[in-house]
Amino acid sequence: MATFHEKLTNATQGANIKTASLRFLSDMASADRSTFRDAWPSVPVTLRRKIVADLVILAEDNIDLNFRHVFLTALEDSDPQVRLTAVEGLYEDESKLLLSKLLPMLREDPDLAVREAVAKAMGRFTYLAHCEKPVAPRDRIRAALIESATDDMEDEDVKRRSVEALGYFHGDKEVQELIAEAYHQGDTYAESAVFAMGRSMDDRWAPTVLEELHNESAPMRYEAARAAGEMLLEDALADLVRMTEDTDTEVTLAAVWSLGQIGGKAASQALGRVLKSDNPALREAAQEALDELLFNADPLNAAPQLATPPTGKVETSPMAIAPNKGRARILPSAHRAIHCQFNLWCPGSAVVSKAT
């Protein structure tokens, strides 16, 4: 059987390397990581680009494969395309180690696309900070993102992505001001602002989100639909039901997702109709939304099925449940608290703004 070093030599010297042959890079042992780090810089750049791109595909198709250490090494690559792909490949990583690498990259990486990708990735760390997880020091993350969002010399795309990432800092006056400022700048800035409004779950943004559901721009309707779901805006139900027949498929998918978040009879009936769609993606989204609707309607029973803590109990205050139209509806703050408690991804946190 070939050794790791022999496999690595074959992989890094072959012009027509097959994607499947790179599986040996998954879950590398400590000694193999060192061998890989030493060899990586001498691999031709075109091959480095191909390897990291192939590993992203492999990881997406095989949940048992973990190329984390390859991507962590690639974050320090001299080639921006390799670094960019590495950031994308680490989309599920929530470690202190990754955060320690991303924070300086946000401000110091010389490539615009890489800095923008890092700003997007910071969203999951602001979520963890919101959940008061020790991996994510709130003050340090907040400071870096605000510095990025307010830097007059920074590119606009990086700035607005930083505003998006800051959205989870609910109740932060400076963050709310940045969101408002971004919204009033219009265009993609406004789309990013609406994305951040949804993450903030702040009722002050409800009128804006409801208004944008009628925007002529499909990307803005998409952002507004997602935000309405994150904020559990029952006043948006009629519009969201209407949007399940939107001419833009992505807008329709966003409306379907949000109906599952808000719930209720009208949402359930609309999702039932979408289940009969000829579009398989819409049918799948509708089924997932109906599953989420069950969680939202009865979190005390649904949450343990999703992730049961050692005690087997969900510690939720009775004040978190508010009677509404004949059913128990979990309030936004408690909804996110339960997601935090069970390490579930908050609504929409894994979604990247459609703004381009």
Protein backbone atom coordinates (compact mmCIF):
# COMPACT_ATOMS: atom_id res chain seq x y z
CA MET A 1 0.00 0.00 0.00
CA ALA A 2 1.31 3.44 -0.92
CA THR A 3 2.37 5.72 1.92
CA PHE A 4 0.86 9.16 2.45
CA HIS A 5 4.02 10.75 1.07
CA GLU A 6 3.84 8.60 -2.07
CA LYS A 7 0.16 9.44 -2.59
CA LEU A 8 0.88 13.12 -2.09
CA THR A 9 3.78 13.01 -4.55
CA ASN A 10 1.59 11.33 -7.16
CA ALA A 11 -1.23 13.82 -6.60
CA THR A 12 0.94 16.92 -6.75
CA GLN A 13 2.92 15.89 -9.81
CA GLY A 14 0.14 14.52 -11.98
CA ALA A 15 -1.32 16.66 -14.71
CA ASN A 16 -4.56 14.66 -14.99
CA ILE A 17 -5.30 13.89 -11.39
CA LYS A 18 -8.72 12.33 -10.72
CA THR A 19 -10.91 13.95 -8.07
CA ALA A 20 -11.69 10.65 -6.35
CA SER A 21 -7.98 9.95 -5.85
CA LEU A 22 -7.76 12.90 -3.43
CA ARG A 23 -9.76 11.15 -0.71
CA PHE A 24 -6.55 10.32 1.14
CA LEU A 25 -6.33 14.00 2.14
CA SER A 26 -9.37 13.59 4.41
CA ASP A 27 -8.75 13.55 8.18
CA MET A 28 -4.98 13.61 7.87
CA ALA A 29 -2.93 12.39 10.82
CA SER A 30 -0.71 14.93 12.56
CA ALA A 31 2.47 13.78 10.82
CA ASP A 32 0.72 13.78 7.45
CA ARG A 33 -0.49 17.34 8.01
CA SER A 34 3.10 18.44 8.52
CA THR A 35 4.17 16.64 5.35
CA PHE A 36 1.33 18.27 3.45
CA ARG A 37 2.11 21.80 4.72
CA ASP A 38 5.76 21.44 3.73
CA ALA A 39 4.94 20.16 0.23
CA TRP A 40 2.02 22.44 -0.61
CA PRO A 41 3.89 25.67 -1.55
CA SER A 42 5.96 23.85 -4.17
CA VAL A 43 2.91 22.48 -5.98
CA PRO A 44 2.24 24.38 -9.24
CA VAL A 45 -0.44 27.01 -8.73
CA THR A 46 -2.75 25.60 -11.39
CA LEU A 47 -2.69 22.25 -9.63
CA ARG A 48 -3.22 23.85 -6.22
CA ARG A 49 -6.31 25.56 -7.58
CA LYS A 50 -7.63 22.31 -9.02
CA ILE A 51 -6.98 20.31 -5.84
CA VAL A 52 -8.83 22.67 -3.49
CA ALA A 53 -11.70 23.06 -5.96
CA ASP A 54 -12.00 19.28 -6.30
CA LEU A 55 -11.93 18.85 -2.53
CA VAL A 56 -14.85 21.25 -2.12
CA ILE A 57 -16.87 19.10 -4.52
CA LEU A 58 -15.81 15.88 -2.80
CA ALA A 59 -16.77 17.21 0.62
CA GLU A 60 -20.16 18.39 -0.60
CA ASP A 61 -20.93 14.98 -2.08
CA ASN A 62 -19.52 12.91 0.81
CA ILE A 63 -20.36 14.04 4.33
CA ASP A 64 -17.88 11.55 5.80
CA LEU A 65 -14.92 13.32 4.17
CA ASN A 66 -13.19 16.14 6.03
CA PHE A 67 -10.55 18.22 4.25
CA ARG A 68 -10.39 20.88 6.96
CA HIS A 69 -6.62 20.75 7.37
CA VAL A 70 -6.04 21.13 3.65
CA PHE A 71 -8.24 24.20 3.54
CA LEU A 72 -6.63 25.70 6.66
CA THR A 73 -3.25 25.39 4.98
CA ALA A 74 -4.65 26.81 1.74
CA LEU A 75 -5.86 29.93 3.59
CA GLU A 76 -2.20 31.00 3.68
CA ASP A 77 -1.60 30.30 -0.01
CA SER A 78 0.06 32.99 -2.12
CA ASP A 79 -2.64 32.64 -4.76
CA PRO A 80 -5.92 34.50 -4.07
CA GLN A 81 -8.04 31.98 -5.97
CA VAL A 82 -6.74 29.19 -3.73
CA ARG A 83 -7.42 31.26 -0.61
CA LEU A 84 -10.93 32.08 -1.82
CA THR A 85 -11.74 28.42 -2.43
CA ALA A 86 -10.32 27.53 0.97
CA VAL A 87 -12.68 29.98 2.68
CA GLU A 88 -15.58 28.41 0.81
CA GLY A 89 -14.41 24.92 1.73
CA LEU A 90 -14.46 25.79 5.44
CA TYR A 91 -18.11 26.86 5.40
CA GLU A 92 -19.01 24.52 8.29
CA ASP A 93 -15.95 25.20 10.44
CA GLU A 94 -16.76 27.09 13.67
CA SER A 95 -13.41 26.72 15.41
CA LYS A 96 -11.33 29.27 17.25
CA LEU A 97 -8.46 28.37 14.96
CA LEU A 98 -10.37 29.37 11.85
CA LEU A 99 -11.64 32.55 13.48
CA SER A 100 -8.08 33.49 14.40
CA LYS A 101 -7.16 33.24 10.72
CA LEU A 102 -10.24 34.97 9.31
CA LEU A 103 -10.10 38.08 11.49
CA PRO A 104 -6.77 39.35 10.11
CA MET A 105 -7.72 38.27 6.59
CA LEU A 106 -10.84 40.44 6.76
CA ARG A 107 -8.72 43.53 7.07
CA GLU A 108 -5.38 42.55 5.56
CA ASP A 109 -5.87 40.15 2.67
CA PRO A 110 -4.80 41.98 -0.51
CA ASP A 111 -7.54 40.42 -2.65
CA LEU A 112 -11.02 41.96 -2.73
CA ALA A 113 -12.87 38.71 -3.47
CA VAL A 114 -11.15 36.98 -0.57
CA ARG A 115 -12.01 39.77 1.86
CA GLU A 116 -15.62 39.68 0.70
CA ALA A 117 -15.78 35.90 1.20
CA VAL A 118 -14.29 36.28 4.68
CA ALA A 119 -16.88 38.93 5.56
CA LYS A 120 -19.63 36.50 4.52
CA ALA A 121 -18.04 33.71 6.56
CA MET A 122 -17.97 35.93 9.64
CA GLY A 123 -21.76 35.71 9.75
CA ARG A 124 -21.67 32.31 11.42
CA PHE A 125 -19.26 33.62 14.05
CA THR A 126 -21.47 36.61 14.85
CA TYR A 127 -24.28 34.07 15.24
CA LEU A 128 -22.14 32.08 17.68
CA ALA A 129 -21.28 35.27 19.53
CA HIS A 130 -24.99 36.08 19.71
CA CYS A 131 -25.48 32.64 21.26
CA GLU A 132 -22.64 33.48 23.70
CA LYS A 133 -20.51 30.56 22.57
CA PRO A 134 -16.93 30.77 23.91
CA VAL A 135 -15.47 30.14 20.47
CA ALA A 136 -16.61 33.58 19.33
CA PRO A 137 -15.51 36.62 21.39
CA ARG A 138 -18.23 39.17 20.66
CA ASP A 139 -16.21 42.36 21.19
CA ARG A 140 -13.34 41.28 18.95
CA ILE A 141 -15.60 40.11 16.14
CA ARG A 142 -17.79 43.20 16.39
CA ALA A 143 -14.81 45.56 16.31
CA ALA A 144 -13.29 43.94 13.22
CA LEU A 145 -16.57 43.98 11.29
CA ILE A 146 -17.44 47.56 12.21
CA GLU A 147 -13.96 48.66 11.20
CA SER A 148 -14.47 46.93 7.86
CA ALA A 149 -17.99 48.31 7.36
CA THR A 150 -16.96 51.91 8.08
CA ASP A 151 -13.60 52.00 6.28
CA ASP A 152 -13.85 54.61 3.53
CA MET A 153 -10.96 52.95 1.72
CA GLU A 154 -12.59 49.51 1.71
CA ASP A 155 -14.47 48.15 -1.29
CA GLU A 156 -18.25 48.52 -1.17
CA ASP A 157 -18.90 44.78 -1.48
CA VAL A 158 -16.72 44.01 1.51
CA LYS A 159 -18.37 46.78 3.51
CA ARG A 160 -21.92 45.63 2.84
CA ARG A 161 -21.03 41.99 3.54
CA SER A 162 -19.65 43.16 6.88
CA VAL A 163 -22.97 44.85 7.61
CA GLU A 164 -24.72 41.58 6.80
CA ALA A 165 -22.51 39.72 9.25
CA LEU A 166 -23.19 42.29 11.96
CA GLY A 167 -26.94 41.73 11.67
CA TYR A 168 -27.03 39.17 14.48
CA PHE A 169 -25.99 41.80 17.04
CA HIS A 170 -29.56 42.57 18.00
CA GLY A 171 -30.04 45.75 20.02
CA ASP A 172 -26.63 47.17 19.16
CA LYS A 173 -27.26 50.84 18.40
CA GLU A 174 -24.19 51.32 16.21
CA VAL A 175 -25.02 48.21 14.19
CA GLN A 176 -28.61 49.37 13.69
CA GLU A 177 -27.33 52.72 12.45
CA LEU A 178 -25.04 50.96 9.97
CA ILE A 179 -27.96 48.90 8.69
CA ALA A 180 -30.09 52.03 8.24
CA GLU A 181 -27.26 53.82 6.46
CA ALA A 182 -26.73 50.88 4.11
CA TYR A 183 -30.43 50.72 3.33
CA HIS A 184 -30.60 54.37 2.37
CA GLN A 185 -27.67 53.92 -0.03
CA GLY A 186 -29.93 51.78 -2.21
CA ASP A 187 -29.11 49.06 -4.76
CA THR A 188 -27.09 46.10 -3.45
CA TYR A 189 -26.35 48.01 -0.25
CA ALA A 190 -30.09 48.13 0.45
CA GLU A 191 -30.42 44.41 -0.28
CA SER A 192 -27.65 43.65 2.20
CA ALA A 193 -29.34 45.92 4.73
CA VAL A 194 -32.62 44.01 4.45
CA PHE A 195 -30.67 40.77 4.84
CA ALA A 196 -29.17 42.16 8.06
CA MET A 197 -32.58 43.37 9.23
CA GLY A 198 -33.83 39.82 9.12
CA ARG A 199 -30.89 38.56 11.10
CA SER A 200 -31.42 41.23 13.75
CA MET A 201 -35.06 40.14 14.30
CA ASP A 202 -35.71 43.72 15.38
CA ASP A 203 -39.34 44.86 15.05
CA ARG A 204 -38.24 48.35 14.06
CA TRP A 205 -37.48 47.00 10.59
CA ALA A 206 -40.86 45.33 10.06
CA PRO A 207 -42.43 48.18 8.01
CA THR A 208 -39.38 48.28 5.73
CA VAL A 209 -39.37 44.53 5.16
CA LEU A 210 -43.11 44.48 4.45
CA GLU A 211 -42.74 47.30 1.93
CA GLU A 212 -39.86 45.59 0.12
CA LEU A 213 -41.96 42.47 -0.45
CA HIS A 214 -43.52 44.49 -3.29
CA ASN A 215 -40.26 45.71 -4.81
CA GLU A 216 -39.91 45.28 -8.57
CA SER A 217 -36.40 43.91 -8.07
CA ALA A 218 -36.34 40.14 -7.63
CA PRO A 219 -33.16 40.18 -5.48
CA MET A 220 -34.82 42.65 -3.09
CA ARG A 221 -38.02 40.62 -2.94
CA TYR A 222 -35.89 37.60 -2.14
CA GLU A 223 -34.13 39.39 0.73
CA ALA A 224 -37.42 40.76 2.07
CA ALA A 225 -39.08 37.36 1.93
CA ARG A 226 -36.23 35.76 3.87
CA ALA A 227 -36.19 38.60 6.38
CA ALA A 228 -39.94 38.29 6.94
CA GLY A 229 -39.44 34.66 7.87
CA GLU A 230 -36.55 35.33 10.21
CA MET A 231 -38.56 38.05 11.94
CA LEU A 232 -41.70 35.86 12.06
CA LEU A 233 -43.77 38.66 10.53
CA GLU A 234 -47.35 37.42 10.50
CA ASP A 235 -48.36 40.59 8.67
CA ALA A 236 -46.33 39.26 5.75
CA LEU A 237 -48.28 36.01 5.41
CA ALA A 238 -50.61 37.17 2.64
CA ASP A 239 -47.72 38.51 0.60
CA LEU A 240 -45.64 35.38 1.16
CA VAL A 241 -48.51 33.19 0.03
CA ARG A 242 -48.77 35.33 -3.10
CA MET A 243 -45.02 35.03 -3.62
CA THR A 244 -45.17 31.24 -3.80
CA GLU A 245 -46.23 31.96 -7.39
CA ASP A 246 -43.56 34.61 -8.05
CA THR A 247 -42.02 34.65 -11.51
CA ASP A 248 -38.56 34.29 -9.91
CA THR A 249 -37.88 30.78 -8.56
CA GLU A 250 -35.46 31.96 -5.90
CA VAL A 251 -38.04 34.41 -4.59
CA THR A 252 -40.56 31.58 -4.48
CA LEU A 253 -38.12 29.40 -2.53
CA ALA A 254 -37.54 32.23 -0.06
CA ALA A 255 -41.28 32.68 0.42
CA VAL A 256 -41.74 28.94 0.99
CA TRP A 257 -38.99 28.91 3.62
CA SER A 258 -40.51 31.88 5.42
CA LEU A 259 -43.98 30.37 5.48
CA GLY A 260 -42.46 27.46 7.37
CA GLN A 261 -40.94 29.86 9.88
CA ILE A 262 -44.12 31.87 10.51
CA GLY A 263 -46.59 28.99 10.35
CA GLY A 264 -50.35 29.05 10.74
CA LYS A 265 -53.24 27.67 8.71
CA ALA A 266 -52.72 29.94 5.70
CA ALA A 267 -49.03 29.03 5.54
CA SER A 268 -49.76 25.33 5.86
CA GLN A 269 -52.35 25.44 3.09
CA ALA A 270 -50.03 27.36 0.78
CA LEU A 271 -47.19 24.91 1.40
CA GLY A 272 -49.57 22.05 0.68
CA ARG A 273 -50.22 23.56 -2.74
CA VAL A 274 -46.50 23.96 -3.41
CA LEU A 275 -46.04 20.26 -2.62
CA LYS A 276 -47.96 19.59 -5.84
CA SER A 277 -45.56 21.70 -7.92
CA ASP A 278 -43.90 20.23 -11.00
CA ASN A 279 -40.62 21.69 -9.74
CA PRO A 280 -38.79 19.14 -7.53
CA ALA A 281 -36.80 21.87 -5.78
CA LEU A 282 -40.01 23.62 -4.78
CA ARG A 283 -41.54 20.37 -3.54
CA GLU A 284 -38.49 19.62 -1.43
CA ALA A 285 -38.44 23.15 -0.03
CA ALA A 286 -42.15 22.93 0.82
CA GLN A 287 -41.66 19.67 2.71
CA GLU A 288 -38.77 21.13 4.69
CA ALA A 289 -40.86 24.21 5.44
CA LEU A 290 -43.71 22.07 6.72
CA ASP A 291 -41.27 20.26 9.01
CA GLU A 292 -40.05 23.61 10.32
CA LEU A 293 -43.64 24.76 10.76
CA LEU A 294 -44.12 21.83 13.14
CA PHE A 295 -41.08 22.92 15.12
CA ASN A 296 -42.30 26.51 15.37
CA ALA A 297 -45.81 25.51 16.39
CA ASP A 298 -44.70 23.07 19.11
CA PRO A 299 -41.03 23.63 19.96
CA LEU A 300 -41.16 21.83 23.30
CA ASN A 301 -41.97 18.57 21.55
CA ALA A 302 -40.19 19.17 18.26
CA ALA A 303 -36.87 20.44 19.56
CA PRO A 304 -35.82 17.23 21.35
CA GLN A 305 -36.36 15.33 18.13
CA LEU A 306 -33.87 17.61 16.42
CA ALA A 307 -31.21 17.64 19.12
CA THR A 308 -31.69 16.24 22.61
CA PRO A 309 -29.41 17.60 25.34
CA PRO A 310 -28.07 15.34 28.11
CA THR A 311 -31.00 16.20 30.39
CA GLY A 312 -33.53 15.37 27.69
CA LYS A 313 -35.34 18.59 28.53
CA VAL A 314 -35.87 21.91 26.79
CA GLU A 315 -35.46 24.73 29.26
CA THR A 316 -37.89 27.30 27.90
CA SER A 317 -39.69 29.87 29.96
CA PRO A 318 -43.49 29.85 29.70
CA MET A 319 -43.18 33.53 28.80
CA ALA A 320 -41.52 32.49 25.56
CA ILE A 321 -44.79 31.11 24.24
CA ALA A 322 -47.44 33.62 23.25
CA PRO A 323 -51.02 32.68 22.36
CA ASN A 324 -51.85 33.75 18.85
CA LYS A 325 -54.88 32.93 16.71
CA GLY A 326 -55.63 29.72 18.55
CA ARG A 327 -52.13 28.24 18.50
CA ALA A 328 -48.93 28.59 20.48
CA ARG A 329 -46.42 30.71 18.62
CA ILE A 330 -42.86 30.98 19.77
CA LEU A 331 -41.66 34.57 19.90
CA PRO A 332 -38.64 35.59 17.80
CA SER A 333 -36.25 35.94 20.76
CA ALA A 334 -37.21 32.58 22.21
CA HIS A 335 -37.17 30.95 18.77
CA ARG A 336 -33.54 31.91 18.33
CA ALA A 337 -32.75 31.03 21.95
CA ILE A 338 -33.89 27.46 21.36
CA HIS A 339 -31.80 27.27 18.20
CA CYS A 340 -28.81 28.49 20.20
CA GLN A 341 -29.45 26.06 23.05
CA PHE A 342 -29.51 23.04 20.77
CA ASN A 343 -26.72 24.27 18.49
CA LEU A 344 -29.17 24.58 15.61
CA TRP A 345 -28.47 27.07 12.85
CA CYS A 346 -30.62 30.15 13.39
CA PRO A 347 -33.13 30.83 10.60
CA GLY A 348 -31.35 31.98 7.50
CA SER A 349 -27.92 32.07 9.10
CA ALA A 350 -26.47 29.72 6.54
CA VAL A 351 -27.95 31.71 3.71
CA VAL A 352 -25.84 34.24 1.89
CA SER A 353 -27.47 37.39 0.62
CA LYS A 354 -28.58 37.18 -2.99
CA ALA A 355 -27.16 40.66 -3.57
CA THR A 356 -24.35 40.50 -6.08
